[in-house]
N, C-alpha and C. Protein backbone atom coordinates (compact mmCIF):
# COMPACT_ATOMS: atom_id res chain seq x y z
N MET A 1 4.08 -66.84 -53.52
CA MET A 1 3.65 -65.53 -53.02
C MET A 1 4.17 -64.44 -53.96
N HIS A 2 3.39 -63.38 -54.02
CA HIS A 2 3.79 -62.26 -54.87
C HIS A 2 4.68 -61.29 -54.09
N SER A 3 5.64 -60.71 -54.77
CA SER A 3 6.49 -59.70 -54.14
C SER A 3 5.75 -58.37 -54.10
N PHE A 4 5.88 -57.71 -52.93
CA PHE A 4 5.24 -56.40 -52.78
C PHE A 4 6.26 -55.27 -52.84
N ILE A 5 7.49 -55.57 -53.27
CA ILE A 5 8.50 -54.51 -53.43
C ILE A 5 8.13 -53.69 -54.65
N PRO A 6 7.90 -52.39 -54.48
CA PRO A 6 7.43 -51.58 -55.61
C PRO A 6 8.49 -51.42 -56.67
N SER A 7 8.05 -51.30 -57.90
CA SER A 7 8.97 -51.03 -58.99
C SER A 7 9.32 -49.55 -58.99
N PRO A 8 10.52 -49.19 -59.46
CA PRO A 8 10.87 -47.76 -59.54
C PRO A 8 9.85 -46.97 -60.35
N VAL A 9 9.53 -45.78 -59.87
CA VAL A 9 8.61 -44.89 -60.58
C VAL A 9 9.42 -43.94 -61.43
N PRO A 10 9.13 -43.86 -62.72
CA PRO A 10 9.89 -42.96 -63.59
C PRO A 10 9.89 -41.53 -63.05
N GLY A 11 11.07 -40.90 -63.07
CA GLY A 11 11.18 -39.51 -62.62
C GLY A 11 11.44 -39.37 -61.14
N ILE A 12 11.33 -40.45 -60.36
CA ILE A 12 11.57 -40.39 -58.92
C ILE A 12 12.82 -41.21 -58.62
N PRO A 13 13.85 -40.64 -57.96
CA PRO A 13 15.09 -41.37 -57.73
C PRO A 13 14.87 -42.57 -56.83
N SER A 14 15.66 -43.61 -57.04
CA SER A 14 15.58 -44.79 -56.19
C SER A 14 16.03 -44.45 -54.78
N HIS A 15 15.75 -45.36 -53.85
CA HIS A 15 16.15 -45.14 -52.46
C HIS A 15 17.66 -44.95 -52.35
N HIS A 16 18.42 -45.74 -53.11
CA HIS A 16 19.87 -45.64 -53.07
C HIS A 16 20.33 -44.27 -53.57
N GLN A 17 19.75 -43.82 -54.68
CA GLN A 17 20.11 -42.51 -55.21
C GLN A 17 19.74 -41.40 -54.23
N TYR A 18 18.56 -41.52 -53.62
CA TYR A 18 18.11 -40.51 -52.65
C TYR A 18 19.06 -40.44 -51.47
N SER A 19 19.49 -41.60 -50.96
CA SER A 19 20.39 -41.64 -49.81
C SER A 19 21.72 -40.99 -50.15
N ARG A 20 22.21 -41.25 -51.36
CA ARG A 20 23.48 -40.64 -51.77
C ARG A 20 23.36 -39.13 -51.86
N ARG A 21 22.25 -38.64 -52.39
CA ARG A 21 22.04 -37.18 -52.49
C ARG A 21 21.97 -36.55 -51.11
N MET A 22 21.21 -37.17 -50.22
CA MET A 22 21.08 -36.62 -48.87
C MET A 22 22.43 -36.61 -48.16
N TYR A 23 23.22 -37.66 -48.34
CA TYR A 23 24.55 -37.71 -47.74
C TYR A 23 25.42 -36.58 -48.28
N PHE A 24 25.33 -36.34 -49.58
CA PHE A 24 26.11 -35.26 -50.20
C PHE A 24 25.72 -33.90 -49.62
N PHE A 25 24.41 -33.63 -49.51
CA PHE A 25 23.95 -32.34 -48.98
C PHE A 25 24.37 -32.17 -47.52
N LEU A 26 24.24 -33.24 -46.73
CA LEU A 26 24.63 -33.16 -45.32
C LEU A 26 26.13 -32.92 -45.18
N LEU A 27 26.92 -33.62 -46.00
CA LEU A 27 28.37 -33.44 -45.95
C LEU A 27 28.76 -32.03 -46.37
N LYS A 28 28.09 -31.50 -47.40
CA LYS A 28 28.38 -30.14 -47.86
C LYS A 28 28.06 -29.13 -46.77
N ASP A 29 26.89 -29.26 -46.11
CA ASP A 29 26.51 -28.33 -45.05
C ASP A 29 27.45 -28.43 -43.86
N TRP A 30 27.84 -29.68 -43.51
CA TRP A 30 28.76 -29.88 -42.39
C TRP A 30 30.11 -29.23 -42.67
N THR A 31 30.60 -29.40 -43.91
CA THR A 31 31.88 -28.81 -44.29
C THR A 31 31.81 -27.29 -44.27
N ARG A 32 30.71 -26.75 -44.79
CA ARG A 32 30.52 -25.30 -44.81
C ARG A 32 30.46 -24.74 -43.40
N TYR A 33 29.70 -25.41 -42.53
CA TYR A 33 29.56 -24.96 -41.13
C TYR A 33 30.92 -24.90 -40.44
N ASN A 34 31.73 -25.95 -40.61
CA ASN A 34 33.04 -25.99 -39.97
C ASN A 34 34.01 -24.99 -40.58
N LEU A 35 33.90 -24.76 -41.89
CA LEU A 35 34.75 -23.76 -42.54
C LEU A 35 34.43 -22.37 -42.01
N ILE A 36 33.14 -22.06 -41.88
CA ILE A 36 32.74 -20.75 -41.35
C ILE A 36 33.27 -20.57 -39.93
N GLY A 37 33.12 -21.62 -39.09
CA GLY A 37 33.63 -21.53 -37.72
C GLY A 37 35.13 -21.33 -37.68
N TYR A 38 35.85 -22.05 -38.55
CA TYR A 38 37.31 -21.93 -38.62
C TYR A 38 37.72 -20.51 -39.00
N LEU A 39 37.10 -19.98 -40.04
CA LEU A 39 37.46 -18.64 -40.51
C LEU A 39 37.06 -17.57 -39.51
N GLN A 40 35.89 -17.72 -38.87
CA GLN A 40 35.44 -16.72 -37.90
C GLN A 40 36.37 -16.69 -36.69
N ASP A 41 36.82 -17.86 -36.24
CA ASP A 41 37.73 -17.91 -35.10
C ASP A 41 39.04 -17.20 -35.39
N ARG A 42 39.48 -17.27 -36.63
CA ARG A 42 40.77 -16.68 -37.00
C ARG A 42 40.65 -15.28 -37.55
N ASN A 43 39.43 -14.82 -37.77
CA ASN A 43 39.20 -13.45 -38.26
C ASN A 43 38.05 -12.82 -37.47
N PRO A 44 38.21 -12.66 -36.16
CA PRO A 44 37.09 -12.20 -35.33
C PRO A 44 36.59 -10.81 -35.65
N SER A 45 37.43 -9.98 -36.30
CA SER A 45 37.01 -8.61 -36.61
C SER A 45 36.33 -8.48 -37.96
N VAL A 46 36.27 -9.57 -38.72
CA VAL A 46 35.66 -9.53 -40.06
C VAL A 46 34.20 -9.95 -39.95
N PRO A 47 33.27 -9.06 -40.29
CA PRO A 47 31.84 -9.39 -40.17
C PRO A 47 31.34 -10.22 -41.35
N GLY A 48 30.24 -10.93 -41.11
CA GLY A 48 29.49 -11.56 -42.19
C GLY A 48 30.22 -12.62 -42.98
N ILE A 49 31.06 -13.41 -42.30
CA ILE A 49 31.83 -14.42 -43.04
C ILE A 49 30.91 -15.43 -43.72
N SER A 50 29.83 -15.81 -43.06
CA SER A 50 28.91 -16.79 -43.67
C SER A 50 28.34 -16.27 -44.98
N ASP A 51 28.01 -14.97 -45.03
CA ASP A 51 27.46 -14.39 -46.27
C ASP A 51 28.52 -14.21 -47.34
N LYS A 52 29.79 -14.13 -46.93
CA LYS A 52 30.86 -14.06 -47.93
C LYS A 52 31.07 -15.42 -48.59
N ILE A 53 30.89 -16.49 -47.82
CA ILE A 53 31.06 -17.83 -48.38
C ILE A 53 29.85 -18.22 -49.21
N VAL A 54 28.66 -17.92 -48.68
CA VAL A 54 27.42 -18.22 -49.41
C VAL A 54 26.61 -16.93 -49.50
N PRO A 55 26.80 -16.11 -50.54
CA PRO A 55 26.07 -14.84 -50.65
C PRO A 55 24.57 -15.07 -50.69
N PRO A 56 23.79 -14.16 -50.08
CA PRO A 56 22.33 -14.30 -50.15
C PRO A 56 21.84 -14.23 -51.58
N HIS A 57 20.73 -14.95 -51.86
CA HIS A 57 20.20 -14.99 -53.22
C HIS A 57 19.72 -13.61 -53.68
N SER A 58 19.20 -12.82 -52.75
CA SER A 58 18.72 -11.49 -53.12
C SER A 58 18.81 -10.57 -51.92
N ARG A 59 18.91 -9.27 -52.20
CA ARG A 59 18.94 -8.26 -51.14
C ARG A 59 17.91 -7.20 -51.51
N ASN A 60 17.22 -6.70 -50.50
CA ASN A 60 16.13 -5.77 -50.73
C ASN A 60 16.36 -4.49 -49.93
N LEU A 61 16.61 -3.40 -50.67
CA LEU A 61 16.84 -2.10 -50.03
C LEU A 61 15.66 -1.16 -50.24
N GLU A 62 14.51 -1.69 -50.63
CA GLU A 62 13.37 -0.83 -50.93
C GLU A 62 12.88 -0.06 -49.71
N ARG A 63 12.91 -0.68 -48.53
CA ARG A 63 12.49 0.04 -47.32
C ARG A 63 13.46 1.16 -46.97
N VAL A 64 14.73 0.92 -47.20
CA VAL A 64 15.72 1.97 -46.97
C VAL A 64 15.50 3.12 -47.95
N LYS A 65 15.27 2.77 -49.21
CA LYS A 65 15.02 3.80 -50.22
C LYS A 65 13.75 4.59 -49.89
N ALA A 66 12.71 3.88 -49.44
CA ALA A 66 11.46 4.57 -49.09
C ALA A 66 11.67 5.51 -47.91
N TYR A 67 12.47 5.08 -46.95
CA TYR A 67 12.78 5.95 -45.80
C TYR A 67 13.49 7.21 -46.26
N TRP A 68 14.54 7.05 -47.07
CA TRP A 68 15.28 8.24 -47.51
C TRP A 68 14.45 9.13 -48.43
N LYS A 69 13.62 8.54 -49.25
CA LYS A 69 12.74 9.36 -50.10
C LYS A 69 11.79 10.20 -49.25
N THR A 70 11.30 9.61 -48.17
CA THR A 70 10.41 10.36 -47.27
C THR A 70 11.17 11.50 -46.61
N VAL A 71 12.36 11.20 -46.13
CA VAL A 71 13.20 12.23 -45.50
C VAL A 71 13.46 13.37 -46.49
N ILE A 72 13.84 13.02 -47.70
CA ILE A 72 14.17 14.03 -48.71
C ILE A 72 12.96 14.85 -49.10
N SER A 73 11.78 14.22 -49.12
CA SER A 73 10.56 14.96 -49.47
C SER A 73 10.23 16.01 -48.41
N VAL A 74 10.66 15.76 -47.18
CA VAL A 74 10.39 16.70 -46.08
C VAL A 74 11.46 17.79 -46.02
N ASP A 75 12.71 17.40 -46.27
CA ASP A 75 13.81 18.37 -46.25
C ASP A 75 14.51 18.35 -47.62
N ALA A 76 14.08 19.22 -48.49
CA ALA A 76 14.58 19.24 -49.87
C ALA A 76 15.98 19.84 -49.99
N SER A 77 16.56 20.30 -48.87
CA SER A 77 17.90 20.90 -48.92
C SER A 77 19.02 19.89 -48.70
N LEU A 78 18.69 18.64 -48.42
CA LEU A 78 19.71 17.64 -48.13
C LEU A 78 20.57 17.34 -49.36
N LEU A 79 21.87 17.14 -49.11
CA LEU A 79 22.83 16.87 -50.18
C LEU A 79 23.43 15.48 -50.02
N ASP A 80 23.80 14.87 -51.14
CA ASP A 80 24.52 13.60 -51.02
C ASP A 80 25.94 13.90 -50.55
N ILE A 81 26.56 12.93 -49.88
CA ILE A 81 27.81 13.23 -49.17
C ILE A 81 29.03 13.25 -50.08
N TYR A 82 28.93 12.73 -51.30
CA TYR A 82 30.10 12.62 -52.17
C TYR A 82 30.19 13.76 -53.18
N GLY A 83 29.08 14.07 -53.82
CA GLY A 83 29.12 15.07 -54.89
C GLY A 83 28.36 16.34 -54.58
N ASP A 84 27.82 16.43 -53.34
CA ASP A 84 27.02 17.60 -52.93
C ASP A 84 25.85 17.86 -53.87
N ASN A 85 25.29 16.78 -54.42
CA ASN A 85 24.10 16.91 -55.25
C ASN A 85 22.87 17.09 -54.38
N ILE A 86 21.95 17.95 -54.82
CA ILE A 86 20.69 18.12 -54.09
C ILE A 86 19.87 16.85 -54.28
N LEU A 87 19.61 16.15 -53.20
CA LEU A 87 18.99 14.83 -53.29
C LEU A 87 17.57 14.87 -53.84
N SER A 88 16.89 15.97 -53.62
CA SER A 88 15.51 16.08 -54.11
C SER A 88 15.46 16.22 -55.63
N ASN A 89 16.61 16.47 -56.25
CA ASN A 89 16.66 16.65 -57.70
C ASN A 89 17.10 15.40 -58.46
N ILE A 90 17.39 14.31 -57.73
CA ILE A 90 17.96 13.13 -58.40
C ILE A 90 17.15 11.88 -58.07
N SER A 91 17.38 10.85 -58.88
CA SER A 91 16.87 9.52 -58.57
C SER A 91 17.92 8.85 -57.69
N ILE A 92 17.58 8.57 -56.45
CA ILE A 92 18.61 8.15 -55.50
C ILE A 92 18.99 6.68 -55.66
N SER A 93 20.23 6.41 -55.31
CA SER A 93 20.75 5.05 -55.21
C SER A 93 21.32 4.91 -53.80
N ILE A 94 21.14 3.75 -53.18
CA ILE A 94 21.57 3.57 -51.79
C ILE A 94 23.00 3.04 -51.76
N ASP A 95 23.86 3.77 -51.07
CA ASP A 95 25.28 3.44 -50.96
C ASP A 95 25.60 2.86 -49.58
N HIS A 96 26.47 1.85 -49.57
CA HIS A 96 27.05 1.33 -48.33
C HIS A 96 28.35 2.10 -48.07
N PHE A 97 28.41 2.85 -46.97
CA PHE A 97 29.60 3.64 -46.66
C PHE A 97 30.81 2.71 -46.57
N VAL A 98 30.77 1.74 -45.67
CA VAL A 98 31.72 0.63 -45.70
C VAL A 98 31.13 -0.42 -46.65
N PRO A 99 31.84 -0.82 -47.67
CA PRO A 99 31.24 -1.63 -48.74
C PRO A 99 30.55 -2.90 -48.24
N TRP A 100 29.45 -3.25 -48.93
CA TRP A 100 28.74 -4.48 -48.58
C TRP A 100 29.66 -5.68 -48.71
N GLN A 101 30.59 -5.64 -49.66
CA GLN A 101 31.49 -6.77 -49.86
C GLN A 101 32.33 -7.05 -48.62
N TYR A 102 32.44 -6.05 -47.71
CA TYR A 102 33.12 -6.28 -46.45
C TYR A 102 32.14 -6.57 -45.32
N VAL A 103 31.13 -5.71 -45.14
CA VAL A 103 30.24 -5.87 -43.98
C VAL A 103 29.20 -6.97 -44.17
N SER A 104 28.81 -7.22 -45.42
CA SER A 104 27.79 -8.25 -45.75
C SER A 104 26.49 -8.02 -45.00
N HIS A 105 26.10 -6.77 -44.83
CA HIS A 105 24.79 -6.47 -44.25
C HIS A 105 24.27 -5.15 -44.81
N ASP A 106 23.00 -4.90 -44.56
CA ASP A 106 22.34 -3.67 -45.03
C ASP A 106 21.81 -2.89 -43.84
N GLU A 107 22.67 -2.60 -42.89
CA GLU A 107 22.26 -1.86 -41.69
C GLU A 107 22.15 -0.38 -42.00
N LEU A 108 21.12 0.24 -41.44
CA LEU A 108 20.77 1.62 -41.79
C LEU A 108 21.90 2.60 -41.51
N TRP A 109 22.62 2.39 -40.42
CA TRP A 109 23.69 3.34 -40.04
C TRP A 109 24.81 3.40 -41.08
N ASN A 110 24.89 2.40 -41.96
CA ASN A 110 25.95 2.35 -42.96
C ASN A 110 25.45 2.73 -44.36
N LEU A 111 24.20 3.21 -44.44
CA LEU A 111 23.57 3.45 -45.75
C LEU A 111 23.20 4.92 -45.91
N SER A 112 23.45 5.44 -47.10
CA SER A 112 23.03 6.82 -47.39
C SER A 112 22.71 6.94 -48.88
N PRO A 113 21.89 7.92 -49.24
CA PRO A 113 21.51 8.11 -50.65
C PRO A 113 22.56 8.90 -51.43
N THR A 114 22.75 8.50 -52.66
CA THR A 114 23.62 9.25 -53.56
C THR A 114 23.08 9.05 -54.98
N THR A 115 23.85 9.44 -55.98
CA THR A 115 23.41 9.21 -57.36
C THR A 115 23.86 7.81 -57.81
N LYS A 116 23.19 7.29 -58.82
CA LYS A 116 23.58 5.98 -59.35
C LYS A 116 25.00 6.02 -59.92
N SER A 117 25.33 7.13 -60.56
CA SER A 117 26.65 7.26 -61.17
C SER A 117 27.75 7.24 -60.10
N ILE A 118 27.56 8.01 -59.03
CA ILE A 118 28.57 8.05 -57.97
C ILE A 118 28.67 6.70 -57.28
N ASN A 119 27.54 6.07 -57.03
CA ASN A 119 27.55 4.76 -56.38
C ASN A 119 28.33 3.75 -57.23
N SER A 120 28.16 3.84 -58.53
CA SER A 120 28.88 2.95 -59.43
C SER A 120 30.38 3.24 -59.41
N LYS A 121 30.75 4.52 -59.39
CA LYS A 121 32.17 4.89 -59.36
C LYS A 121 32.82 4.48 -58.04
N LYS A 122 32.11 4.61 -56.96
CA LYS A 122 32.65 4.23 -55.65
C LYS A 122 32.86 2.73 -55.58
N SER A 123 31.94 1.97 -56.14
CA SER A 123 32.05 0.52 -56.22
C SER A 123 32.35 -0.08 -54.84
N ASN A 124 33.39 -0.91 -54.74
CA ASN A 124 33.70 -1.61 -53.49
C ASN A 124 34.79 -0.92 -52.69
N ASN A 125 34.94 0.39 -52.89
CA ASN A 125 35.98 1.14 -52.20
C ASN A 125 35.46 1.77 -50.91
N LEU A 126 36.41 2.12 -50.05
CA LEU A 126 36.08 2.85 -48.82
C LEU A 126 36.18 4.35 -49.08
N PRO A 127 35.15 5.12 -48.74
CA PRO A 127 35.26 6.58 -48.90
C PRO A 127 36.29 7.13 -47.92
N ALA A 128 37.05 8.10 -48.35
CA ALA A 128 38.08 8.69 -47.49
C ALA A 128 37.43 9.24 -46.22
N LEU A 129 37.88 8.75 -45.09
CA LEU A 129 37.22 9.04 -43.82
C LEU A 129 37.25 10.52 -43.48
N ASP A 130 38.40 11.16 -43.65
CA ASP A 130 38.52 12.57 -43.29
C ASP A 130 37.65 13.46 -44.16
N THR A 131 37.35 13.00 -45.36
CA THR A 131 36.55 13.80 -46.29
C THR A 131 35.06 13.59 -46.10
N TYR A 132 34.64 12.35 -45.80
CA TYR A 132 33.22 12.03 -45.91
C TYR A 132 32.51 11.64 -44.60
N PHE A 133 33.25 11.29 -43.56
CA PHE A 133 32.54 10.84 -42.36
C PHE A 133 31.69 11.94 -41.75
N GLU A 134 32.23 13.15 -41.68
CA GLU A 134 31.47 14.24 -41.08
C GLU A 134 30.19 14.52 -41.88
N LYS A 135 30.28 14.43 -43.20
CA LYS A 135 29.10 14.64 -44.05
C LYS A 135 28.07 13.54 -43.83
N LEU A 136 28.55 12.30 -43.72
CA LEU A 136 27.64 11.19 -43.43
C LEU A 136 26.94 11.39 -42.09
N CYS A 137 27.70 11.79 -41.10
CA CYS A 137 27.16 12.01 -39.77
C CYS A 137 26.08 13.08 -39.79
N GLU A 138 26.35 14.21 -40.45
CA GLU A 138 25.37 15.29 -40.48
C GLU A 138 24.11 14.88 -41.24
N LEU A 139 24.27 14.15 -42.34
CA LEU A 139 23.12 13.70 -43.11
C LEU A 139 22.25 12.75 -42.29
N GLU A 140 22.86 11.78 -41.64
CA GLU A 140 22.10 10.84 -40.82
C GLU A 140 21.46 11.54 -39.62
N PHE A 141 22.18 12.49 -39.04
CA PHE A 141 21.63 13.21 -37.89
C PHE A 141 20.39 14.01 -38.29
N ARG A 142 20.47 14.72 -39.40
CA ARG A 142 19.33 15.53 -39.84
C ARG A 142 18.13 14.66 -40.17
N ALA A 143 18.39 13.51 -40.78
CA ALA A 143 17.30 12.58 -41.07
C ALA A 143 16.68 12.07 -39.77
N ASN A 144 17.52 11.72 -38.83
CA ASN A 144 17.05 11.20 -37.55
C ASN A 144 16.25 12.24 -36.77
N GLU A 145 16.67 13.49 -36.85
CA GLU A 145 15.95 14.57 -36.15
C GLU A 145 14.51 14.72 -36.65
N LEU A 146 14.30 14.45 -37.94
CA LEU A 146 12.96 14.61 -38.51
C LEU A 146 11.96 13.63 -37.92
N ARG A 147 12.44 12.53 -37.36
CA ARG A 147 11.54 11.57 -36.70
C ARG A 147 10.74 12.22 -35.58
N TYR A 148 11.33 13.24 -34.97
CA TYR A 148 10.71 13.86 -33.81
C TYR A 148 9.76 14.99 -34.18
N THR A 149 9.76 15.37 -35.44
CA THR A 149 8.92 16.50 -35.85
C THR A 149 7.96 16.15 -36.99
N ASN A 150 8.14 14.98 -37.60
CA ASN A 150 7.33 14.64 -38.77
C ASN A 150 6.85 13.20 -38.68
N GLU A 151 5.54 13.02 -38.71
CA GLU A 151 4.96 11.69 -38.54
C GLU A 151 5.28 10.76 -39.72
N GLN A 152 5.34 11.31 -40.93
CA GLN A 152 5.67 10.49 -42.10
C GLN A 152 7.07 9.89 -41.97
N VAL A 153 8.01 10.72 -41.56
CA VAL A 153 9.39 10.24 -41.39
C VAL A 153 9.45 9.22 -40.25
N LYS A 154 8.74 9.50 -39.18
CA LYS A 154 8.72 8.57 -38.05
C LYS A 154 8.21 7.19 -38.48
N LYS A 155 7.14 7.17 -39.27
CA LYS A 155 6.58 5.90 -39.74
C LYS A 155 7.55 5.20 -40.70
N ALA A 156 8.15 5.98 -41.61
CA ALA A 156 9.08 5.39 -42.57
C ALA A 156 10.30 4.80 -41.86
N PHE A 157 10.75 5.50 -40.81
CA PHE A 157 11.88 4.98 -40.04
C PHE A 157 11.50 3.67 -39.34
N THR A 158 10.34 3.65 -38.72
CA THR A 158 9.89 2.44 -38.01
C THR A 158 9.77 1.27 -38.97
N ASP A 159 9.20 1.51 -40.15
CA ASP A 159 9.07 0.45 -41.15
C ASP A 159 10.44 -0.07 -41.60
N CYS A 160 11.39 0.85 -41.73
CA CYS A 160 12.72 0.49 -42.19
C CYS A 160 13.55 -0.18 -41.09
N ALA A 161 13.48 0.36 -39.89
CA ALA A 161 14.34 -0.12 -38.80
C ALA A 161 14.05 -1.56 -38.43
N GLY A 162 12.81 -1.98 -38.61
CA GLY A 162 12.47 -3.36 -38.30
C GLY A 162 13.24 -4.37 -39.13
N TYR A 163 13.76 -3.93 -40.27
CA TYR A 163 14.52 -4.81 -41.16
C TYR A 163 15.99 -4.43 -41.27
N HIS A 164 16.31 -3.17 -40.95
CA HIS A 164 17.66 -2.67 -41.22
C HIS A 164 18.36 -2.08 -40.01
N VAL A 165 17.83 -2.31 -38.81
CA VAL A 165 18.56 -2.05 -37.57
C VAL A 165 18.41 -3.32 -36.74
N ASN A 166 19.34 -4.24 -36.92
CA ASN A 166 19.18 -5.58 -36.36
C ASN A 166 19.96 -5.81 -35.08
N SER A 167 20.59 -4.77 -34.58
CA SER A 167 21.30 -4.86 -33.30
C SER A 167 20.59 -3.99 -32.28
N ALA A 168 20.11 -4.62 -31.20
CA ALA A 168 19.44 -3.86 -30.15
C ALA A 168 20.41 -2.86 -29.51
N GLU A 169 21.68 -3.25 -29.43
CA GLU A 169 22.69 -2.37 -28.84
C GLU A 169 22.88 -1.11 -29.68
N ILE A 170 22.96 -1.28 -31.00
CA ILE A 170 23.14 -0.12 -31.88
C ILE A 170 21.87 0.72 -31.93
N TYR A 171 20.71 0.07 -31.91
CA TYR A 171 19.45 0.83 -31.86
C TYR A 171 19.44 1.74 -30.64
N LYS A 172 19.80 1.19 -29.50
CA LYS A 172 19.82 1.97 -28.27
C LYS A 172 20.86 3.09 -28.34
N GLU A 173 22.00 2.78 -28.96
CA GLU A 173 23.09 3.74 -29.05
C GLU A 173 22.74 4.93 -29.94
N LEU A 174 22.10 4.67 -31.09
CA LEU A 174 21.91 5.72 -32.10
C LEU A 174 20.49 6.27 -32.18
N TYR A 175 19.49 5.43 -31.90
CA TYR A 175 18.13 5.81 -32.27
C TYR A 175 17.13 5.87 -31.11
N TYR A 176 17.51 5.39 -29.94
CA TYR A 176 16.54 5.31 -28.85
C TYR A 176 16.24 6.68 -28.26
N ASP A 177 17.28 7.45 -28.03
CA ASP A 177 17.12 8.79 -27.44
C ASP A 177 17.37 9.87 -28.49
N ARG A 178 16.80 11.02 -28.26
CA ARG A 178 17.10 12.17 -29.12
C ARG A 178 18.45 12.74 -28.70
N LEU A 179 19.38 12.80 -29.65
CA LEU A 179 20.75 13.17 -29.35
C LEU A 179 21.11 14.51 -29.95
N SER A 180 22.10 15.14 -29.35
CA SER A 180 22.69 16.32 -29.98
C SER A 180 23.57 15.85 -31.14
N LEU A 181 23.92 16.76 -32.03
CA LEU A 181 24.79 16.41 -33.14
C LEU A 181 26.12 15.87 -32.63
N SER A 182 26.65 16.48 -31.59
CA SER A 182 27.92 16.05 -31.03
C SER A 182 27.85 14.62 -30.50
N ASP A 183 26.78 14.32 -29.77
CA ASP A 183 26.63 12.97 -29.23
C ASP A 183 26.40 11.95 -30.34
N PHE A 184 25.59 12.34 -31.33
CA PHE A 184 25.33 11.43 -32.45
C PHE A 184 26.63 11.13 -33.20
N ARG A 185 27.45 12.15 -33.42
CA ARG A 185 28.73 11.96 -34.11
C ARG A 185 29.62 10.99 -33.34
N THR A 186 29.70 11.18 -32.04
CA THR A 186 30.54 10.30 -31.22
C THR A 186 30.06 8.85 -31.29
N ARG A 187 28.75 8.67 -31.18
CA ARG A 187 28.20 7.31 -31.16
C ARG A 187 28.29 6.64 -32.53
N LEU A 188 28.03 7.41 -33.58
CA LEU A 188 28.15 6.84 -34.92
C LEU A 188 29.60 6.47 -35.21
N SER A 189 30.51 7.30 -34.75
CA SER A 189 31.93 7.02 -34.90
C SER A 189 32.31 5.72 -34.20
N ASN A 190 31.75 5.50 -33.00
CA ASN A 190 32.05 4.28 -32.25
C ASN A 190 31.54 3.03 -32.98
N VAL A 191 30.48 3.19 -33.77
CA VAL A 191 29.93 2.06 -34.52
C VAL A 191 30.72 1.82 -35.81
N ILE A 192 30.99 2.89 -36.55
CA ILE A 192 31.56 2.75 -37.89
C ILE A 192 33.08 2.57 -37.89
N LEU A 193 33.80 3.31 -37.05
CA LEU A 193 35.26 3.32 -37.17
C LEU A 193 35.92 1.95 -36.99
N PRO A 194 35.51 1.14 -36.02
CA PRO A 194 36.15 -0.18 -35.92
C PRO A 194 35.96 -1.03 -37.17
N VAL A 195 34.77 -0.94 -37.77
CA VAL A 195 34.50 -1.70 -38.99
C VAL A 195 35.32 -1.14 -40.15
N TYR A 196 35.37 0.18 -40.23
CA TYR A 196 36.12 0.85 -41.29
C TYR A 196 37.60 0.47 -41.22
N ARG A 197 38.19 0.55 -40.02
CA ARG A 197 39.62 0.26 -39.86
C ARG A 197 39.92 -1.21 -40.17
N SER A 198 39.00 -2.06 -39.80
CA SER A 198 39.18 -3.48 -40.11
C SER A 198 39.17 -3.71 -41.61
N ALA A 199 38.29 -2.99 -42.32
CA ALA A 199 38.24 -3.10 -43.78
C ALA A 199 39.54 -2.59 -44.41
N VAL A 200 40.09 -1.51 -43.86
CA VAL A 200 41.38 -1.01 -44.34
C VAL A 200 42.46 -2.07 -44.16
N ASN A 201 42.46 -2.71 -42.99
CA ASN A 201 43.46 -3.75 -42.71
C ASN A 201 43.32 -4.95 -43.64
N CYS A 202 42.10 -5.15 -44.15
CA CYS A 202 41.86 -6.26 -45.07
C CYS A 202 42.16 -5.90 -46.52
N GLY A 203 42.62 -4.65 -46.74
CA GLY A 203 43.06 -4.27 -48.07
C GLY A 203 42.08 -3.48 -48.90
N PHE A 204 40.95 -3.05 -48.32
CA PHE A 204 40.01 -2.25 -49.10
C PHE A 204 40.61 -0.87 -49.37
N THR A 205 40.46 -0.41 -50.60
CA THR A 205 41.09 0.83 -51.06
C THR A 205 40.25 2.04 -50.69
N GLN A 206 40.93 3.11 -50.25
CA GLN A 206 40.23 4.36 -49.96
C GLN A 206 40.03 5.16 -51.25
N TRP A 207 38.94 5.92 -51.27
CA TRP A 207 38.46 6.53 -52.51
C TRP A 207 37.92 7.92 -52.24
N GLU A 208 38.11 8.81 -53.23
CA GLU A 208 37.47 10.13 -53.20
C GLU A 208 36.83 10.36 -54.55
N TYR A 209 35.68 11.02 -54.50
CA TYR A 209 34.95 11.29 -55.74
C TYR A 209 35.58 12.42 -56.51
N LYS A 210 35.75 12.20 -57.80
CA LYS A 210 36.27 13.24 -58.69
C LYS A 210 35.30 13.38 -59.86
N THR A 211 34.89 14.61 -60.12
CA THR A 211 33.94 14.85 -61.20
C THR A 211 34.62 14.73 -62.56
């Protein structure tokens, strides 16, 4: 009788090689999963541990940039929070108030436009809270207010929020109702300050812009 066991096909791994590869990938994923769980249990205040261990291949802030460009086109008097540059006069770069290296997310409440140069100088540092939080709050509040008076801004916000406001609780807190500046400041503070203080405790350096 003839044997019907197929001969190896060039370029295709044997069954034994395939099994070893699959075992390796499964073991790697299992180890990573347990490491993430271990670290998260012992660092409950640190966000995005999984993304710190395995950074995403790419990040896309184009919707955020489009939102801020629309806002700036409607209100040309807006200033960046670090250098007081008129935003309508510059090519904007999107800054993470609390650095991405700590939060590991691109949530809208933590993002604001600035210049590429300032964003580069700020790098992975925390902006000095007493100097910049009030400016961030006013900038975000003014942008948010335009949703209620300008259809272009409303559409740009909706397009952006679907990707960059991923917490229903925070959406309800900051964006569901029209708020006074005082209420918006209080609510934004409740969202940002715990994350900011945790980043300080983890050793992130505070920074102020110097020309």
